[in-house]
Amino acid sequence: MSEQTAEITAPVTVDPESPLEHLSMQQALNRALAESLDENPKTLIFGEDVGQLGGVFRITDGLQQRFGADRVFDTPLAESGILGMSVGLAMAGFHPIPEVQFDGFAYPAVNQIVCQIGRMNYRSRGTLPMPITLRVPSFGGIRAPEHHGESLRASSPTCPG
């Protein structure tokens, strides 16, 4: 094995005295969402069970208590409505961060994702940007047979926008 290969594949060790903080993926996502809410008063987080419950994987845990139910809130079980609302909010100058609970449930919202979110900036020649951060977890180790282990990501690169 070459020295360069050994360097790339060597295990990463962290000095316990290092100022680096170790976070789980959930903690890092929660912190990033909190920072987004802190930095921009027009940032909104919404979706199924993301408010009081803190989301299916507890990614949004504590954010509603910290930032209020007007900025972190639950929506009805209606993926096309969640994404349609995101489009309208983005057009009104907000930065929506919607969550669809699982990737397999996003199919009803494909029209909004492909035809609105993905294309509106181009369609409007840049006058209507879509600053939407869509959160769609998939898999997550829950071992559910349908709708929880699917992924739409493979179809996204083939769509304009």
C-alpha atoms as a PDB file:
ATOM      1  CA  MET A   1       0.000   0.000   0.000  1.00  0.00           C
ATOM      2  CA  SER A   2       1.392   3.394  -0.919  1.00  0.00           C
ATOM      3  CA  GLU A   3       2.003   6.054   1.696  1.00  0.00           C
ATOM      4  CA  GLN A   4      -0.703   8.250   0.154  1.00  0.00           C
ATOM      5  CA  THR A   5      -3.301   5.444   0.291  1.00  0.00           C
ATOM      6  CA  ALA A   6      -2.378   4.616   3.862  1.00  0.00           C
ATOM      7  CA  GLU A   7      -2.868   8.258   4.815  1.00  0.00           C
ATOM      8  CA  ILE A   8      -6.348   8.383   3.275  1.00  0.00           C
ATOM      9  CA  THR A   9      -7.544   5.098   4.771  1.00  0.00           C
ATOM     10  CA  ALA A  10      -5.962   5.542   8.208  1.00  0.00           C
ATOM     11  CA  PRO A  11      -8.538   5.694  10.991  1.00  0.00           C
ATOM     12  CA  VAL A  12      -9.298   9.162  12.287  1.00  0.00           C
ATOM     13  CA  THR A  13      -8.342   9.671  15.900  1.00  0.00           C
ATOM     14  CA  VAL A  14      -9.491  12.638  17.921  1.00  0.00           C
ATOM     15  CA  ASP A  15      -7.557  14.053  20.801  1.00  0.00           C
ATOM     16  CA  PRO A  16      -9.908  14.162  23.830  1.00  0.00           C
ATOM     17  CA  GLU A  17      -8.292  17.483  24.773  1.00  0.00           C
ATOM     18  CA  SER A  18      -9.234  18.940  21.370  1.00  0.00           C
ATOM     19  CA  PRO A  19     -11.649  21.872  21.361  1.00  0.00           C
ATOM     20  CA  LEU A  20     -13.715  20.034  18.739  1.00  0.00           C
ATOM     21  CA  GLU A  21     -17.175  19.070  19.910  1.00  0.00           C
ATOM     22  CA  HIS A  22     -18.545  15.652  19.049  1.00  0.00           C
ATOM     23  CA  LEU A  23     -22.183  15.647  17.975  1.00  0.00           C
ATOM     24  CA  SER A  24     -24.530  12.979  16.722  1.00  0.00           C
ATOM     25  CA  MET A  25     -26.137  13.549  13.333  1.00  0.00           C
ATOM     26  CA  GLN A  26     -29.396  14.487  15.107  1.00  0.00           C
ATOM     27  CA  GLN A  27     -27.636  16.994  17.352  1.00  0.00           C
ATOM     28  CA  ALA A  28     -25.783  18.554  14.413  1.00  0.00           C
ATOM     29  CA  LEU A  29     -28.972  18.914  12.367  1.00  0.00           C
ATOM     30  CA  ASN A  30     -30.851  20.372  15.338  1.00  0.00           C
ATOM     31  CA  ARG A  31     -28.067  22.879  15.917  1.00  0.00           C
ATOM     32  CA  ALA A  32     -27.949  23.850  12.231  1.00  0.00           C
ATOM     33  CA  LEU A  33     -31.718  24.417  12.197  1.00  0.00           C
ATOM     34  CA  ALA A  34     -31.494  26.501  15.391  1.00  0.00           C
ATOM     35  CA  GLU A  35     -28.719  28.596  13.835  1.00  0.00           C
ATOM     36  CA  SER A  36     -30.867  29.161  10.734  1.00  0.00           C
ATOM     37  CA  LEU A  37     -33.770  30.298  12.902  1.00  0.00           C
ATOM     38  CA  ASP A  38     -31.441  32.551  14.937  1.00  0.00           C
ATOM     39  CA  GLU A  39     -29.859  34.166  11.877  1.00  0.00           C
ATOM     40  CA  ASN A  40     -32.985  34.802   9.819  1.00  0.00           C
ATOM     41  CA  PRO A  41     -36.317  35.834  11.351  1.00  0.00           C
ATOM     42  CA  LYS A  42     -38.013  34.782   8.098  1.00  0.00           C
ATOM     43  CA  THR A  43     -36.948  31.153   8.512  1.00  0.00           C
ATOM     44  CA  LEU A  44     -39.831  28.784   9.267  1.00  0.00           C
ATOM     45  CA  ILE A  45     -39.754  25.065  10.036  1.00  0.00           C
ATOM     46  CA  PHE A  46     -42.906  23.051   9.507  1.00  0.00           C
ATOM     47  CA  GLY A  47     -44.157  19.587   8.691  1.00  0.00           C
ATOM     48  CA  GLU A  48     -45.759  16.569  10.280  1.00  0.00           C
ATOM     49  CA  ASP A  49     -44.971  16.372  14.014  1.00  0.00           C
ATOM     50  CA  VAL A  50     -41.969  18.744  13.866  1.00  0.00           C
ATOM     51  CA  GLY A  51     -43.364  21.155  16.477  1.00  0.00           C
ATOM     52  CA  GLN A  52     -44.241  19.858  19.906  1.00  0.00           C
ATOM     53  CA  LEU A  53     -43.083  16.264  19.230  1.00  0.00           C
ATOM     54  CA  GLY A  54     -39.761  17.328  17.713  1.00  0.00           C
ATOM     55  CA  GLY A  55     -40.032  15.296  14.520  1.00  0.00           C
ATOM     56  CA  VAL A  56     -39.978  11.599  13.806  1.00  0.00           C
ATOM     57  CA  PHE A  57     -36.230  11.402  14.521  1.00  0.00           C
ATOM     58  CA  ARG A  58     -36.358  14.268  17.082  1.00  0.00           C
ATOM     59  CA  ILE A  59     -34.323  16.523  14.800  1.00  0.00           C
ATOM     60  CA  THR A  60     -36.472  19.558  15.669  1.00  0.00           C
ATOM     61  CA  ASP A  61     -36.702  18.720  19.374  1.00  0.00           C
ATOM     62  CA  GLY A  62     -36.905  21.872  21.501  1.00  0.00           C
ATOM     63  CA  LEU A  63     -37.046  24.290  18.563  1.00  0.00           C
ATOM     64  CA  GLN A  64     -40.741  25.132  18.954  1.00  0.00           C
ATOM     65  CA  GLN A  65     -40.220  25.917  22.632  1.00  0.00           C
ATOM     66  CA  ARG A  66     -37.220  28.103  21.833  1.00  0.00           C
ATOM     67  CA  PHE A  67     -38.520  29.940  18.736  1.00  0.00           C
ATOM     68  CA  GLY A  68     -42.298  29.763  19.146  1.00  0.00           C
ATOM     69  CA  ALA A  69     -45.168  27.974  17.448  1.00  0.00           C
ATOM     70  CA  ASP A  70     -45.385  30.674  14.775  1.00  0.00           C
ATOM     71  CA  ARG A  71     -41.932  29.702  13.421  1.00  0.00           C
ATOM     72  CA  VAL A  72     -41.808  25.949  14.161  1.00  0.00           C
ATOM     73  CA  PHE A  73     -45.164  24.302  13.649  1.00  0.00           C
ATOM     74  CA  ASP A  74     -47.021  21.162  12.707  1.00  0.00           C
ATOM     75  CA  THR A  75     -48.973  20.761   9.486  1.00  0.00           C
ATOM     76  CA  PRO A  76     -51.702  18.369   8.449  1.00  0.00           C
ATOM     77  CA  LEU A  77     -50.721  15.093   6.831  1.00  0.00           C
ATOM     78  CA  ALA A  78     -50.693  16.522   3.295  1.00  0.00           C
ATOM     79  CA  GLU A  79     -47.325  16.492   1.564  1.00  0.00           C
ATOM     80  CA  SER A  80     -48.532  18.344  -1.536  1.00  0.00           C
ATOM     81  CA  GLY A  81     -49.956  21.044   0.750  1.00  0.00           C
ATOM     82  CA  ILE A  82     -46.741  21.296   2.759  1.00  0.00           C
ATOM     83  CA  LEU A  83     -44.677  21.836  -0.371  1.00  0.00           C
ATOM     84  CA  GLY A  84     -47.281  24.069  -2.006  1.00  0.00           C
ATOM     85  CA  MET A  85     -47.255  26.261   1.112  1.00  0.00           C
ATOM     86  CA  SER A  86     -43.455  26.324   0.909  1.00  0.00           C
ATOM     87  CA  VAL A  87     -43.628  27.720  -2.621  1.00  0.00           C
ATOM     88  CA  GLY A  88     -46.005  30.483  -1.547  1.00  0.00           C
ATOM     89  CA  LEU A  89     -43.911  31.352   1.505  1.00  0.00           C
ATOM     90  CA  ALA A  90     -40.722  31.493  -0.577  1.00  0.00           C
ATOM     91  CA  MET A  91     -42.461  33.790  -3.069  1.00  0.00           C
ATOM     92  CA  ALA A  92     -43.412  36.032  -0.119  1.00  0.00           C
ATOM     93  CA  GLY A  93     -39.786  36.318   1.031  1.00  0.00           C
ATOM     94  CA  PHE A  94     -39.608  33.605   3.676  1.00  0.00           C
ATOM     95  CA  HIS A  95     -37.053  30.804   3.978  1.00  0.00           C
ATOM     96  CA  PRO A  96     -39.213  27.732   4.545  1.00  0.00           C
ATOM     97  CA  ILE A  97     -37.688  24.520   5.844  1.00  0.00           C
ATOM     98  CA  PRO A  98     -40.445  21.950   5.325  1.00  0.00           C
ATOM     99  CA  GLU A  99     -40.109  18.327   6.357  1.00  0.00           C
ATOM    100  CA  VAL A 100     -41.834  15.378   4.742  1.00  0.00           C
ATOM    101  CA  GLN A 101     -41.621  12.567   7.279  1.00  0.00           C
ATOM    102  CA  PHE A 102     -40.241   9.932   4.923  1.00  0.00           C
ATOM    103  CA  ASP A 103     -39.060   9.956   1.334  1.00  0.00           C
ATOM    104  CA  GLY A 104     -41.697   7.443   0.260  1.00  0.00           C
ATOM    105  CA  PHE A 105     -44.425   9.863   1.339  1.00  0.00           C
ATOM    106  CA  ALA A 106     -43.105  12.618  -0.941  1.00  0.00           C
ATOM    107  CA  TYR A 107     -44.719  11.228  -4.105  1.00  0.00           C
ATOM    108  CA  PRO A 108     -47.873  13.368  -3.737  1.00  0.00           C
ATOM    109  CA  ALA A 109     -45.620  16.451  -3.665  1.00  0.00           C
ATOM    110  CA  VAL A 110     -43.538  15.611  -6.750  1.00  0.00           C
ATOM    111  CA  ASN A 111     -45.437  18.184  -8.825  1.00  0.00           C
ATOM    112  CA  GLN A 112     -44.540  20.971  -6.392  1.00  0.00           C
ATOM    113  CA  ILE A 113     -40.925  19.800  -6.127  1.00  0.00           C
ATOM    114  CA  VAL A 114     -40.323  19.410  -9.863  1.00  0.00           C
ATOM    115  CA  CYS A 115     -42.626  21.993 -11.449  1.00  0.00           C
ATOM    116  CA  GLN A 116     -42.513  24.772  -8.846  1.00  0.00           C
ATOM    117  CA  ILE A 117     -39.571  24.570  -6.445  1.00  0.00           C
ATOM    118  CA  GLY A 118     -37.096  23.304  -9.025  1.00  0.00           C
ATOM    119  CA  ARG A 119     -38.088  25.666 -11.830  1.00  0.00           C
ATOM    120  CA  MET A 120     -39.589  28.869 -10.416  1.00  0.00           C
ATOM    121  CA  ASN A 121     -36.279  30.722 -10.195  1.00  0.00           C
ATOM    122  CA  TYR A 122     -35.612  29.986 -13.886  1.00  0.00           C
ATOM    123  CA  ARG A 123     -39.217  30.508 -14.918  1.00  0.00           C
ATOM    124  CA  SER A 124     -39.221  33.971 -13.312  1.00  0.00           C
ATOM    125  CA  ARG A 125     -35.739  34.867 -14.592  1.00  0.00           C
ATOM    126  CA  GLY A 126     -34.458  35.136 -11.057  1.00  0.00           C
ATOM    127  CA  THR A 127     -37.199  37.364  -9.666  1.00  0.00           C
ATOM    128  CA  LEU A 128     -38.732  34.528  -7.604  1.00  0.00           C
ATOM    129  CA  PRO A 129     -35.943  32.505  -6.012  1.00  0.00           C
ATOM    130  CA  MET A 130     -36.965  29.419  -4.062  1.00  0.00           C
ATOM    131  CA  PRO A 131     -34.894  29.517  -0.839  1.00  0.00           C
ATOM    132  CA  ILE A 132     -36.471  26.291   0.370  1.00  0.00           C
ATOM    133  CA  THR A 133     -34.532  23.699   2.335  1.00  0.00           C
ATOM    134  CA  LEU A 134     -36.554  20.522   1.935  1.00  0.00           C
ATOM    135  CA  ARG A 135     -35.879  17.911   4.612  1.00  0.00           C
ATOM    136  CA  VAL A 136     -36.847  14.384   3.610  1.00  0.00           C
ATOM    137  CA  PRO A 137     -35.352  11.570   5.679  1.00  0.00           C
ATOM    138  CA  SER A 138     -35.250   8.058   4.332  1.00  0.00           C
ATOM    139  CA  PHE A 139     -34.505   4.700   5.886  1.00  0.00           C
ATOM    140  CA  GLY A 140     -33.389   5.713   9.406  1.00  0.00           C
ATOM    141  CA  GLY A 141     -33.087   2.157  10.667  1.00  0.00           C
ATOM    142  CA  ILE A 142     -36.761   1.734  11.478  1.00  0.00           C
ATOM    143  CA  ARG A 143     -37.131  -1.336   9.236  1.00  0.00           C
ATOM    144  CA  ALA A 144     -40.636  -0.494   8.030  1.00  0.00           C
ATOM    145  CA  PRO A 145     -41.472  -2.320   4.804  1.00  0.00           C
ATOM    146  CA  GLU A 146     -43.339   0.310   2.788  1.00  0.00           C
ATOM    147  CA  HIS A 147     -42.887   4.052   2.225  1.00  0.00           C
ATOM    148  CA  HIS A 148     -40.138   4.377   4.827  1.00  0.00           C
ATOM    149  CA  GLY A 149     -37.218   2.924   2.870  1.00  0.00           C
ATOM    150  CA  GLU A 150     -37.830   4.463  -0.532  1.00  0.00           C
ATOM    151  CA  SER A 151     -35.829   7.269  -2.066  1.00  0.00           C
ATOM    152  CA  LEU A 152     -36.807   9.765  -4.744  1.00  0.00           C
ATOM    153  CA  ARG A 153     -33.253  11.123  -4.969  1.00  0.00           C
ATOM    154  CA  ALA A 154     -32.376   9.096  -8.040  1.00  0.00           C
ATOM    155  CA  SER A 155     -35.051  10.892 -10.071  1.00  0.00           C
ATOM    156  CA  SER A 156     -34.063  14.417  -8.993  1.00  0.00           C
ATOM    157  CA  PRO A 157     -30.935  14.855 -11.153  1.00  0.00           C
ATOM    158  CA  THR A 158     -32.961  14.261 -14.301  1.00  0.00           C
ATOM    159  CA  CYS A 159     -35.323  17.166 -13.567  1.00  0.00           C
ATOM    160  CA  PRO A 160     -34.511  20.707 -14.733  1.00  0.00           C
ATOM    161  CA  GLY A 161     -33.832  23.148 -11.910  1.00  0.00           C
END
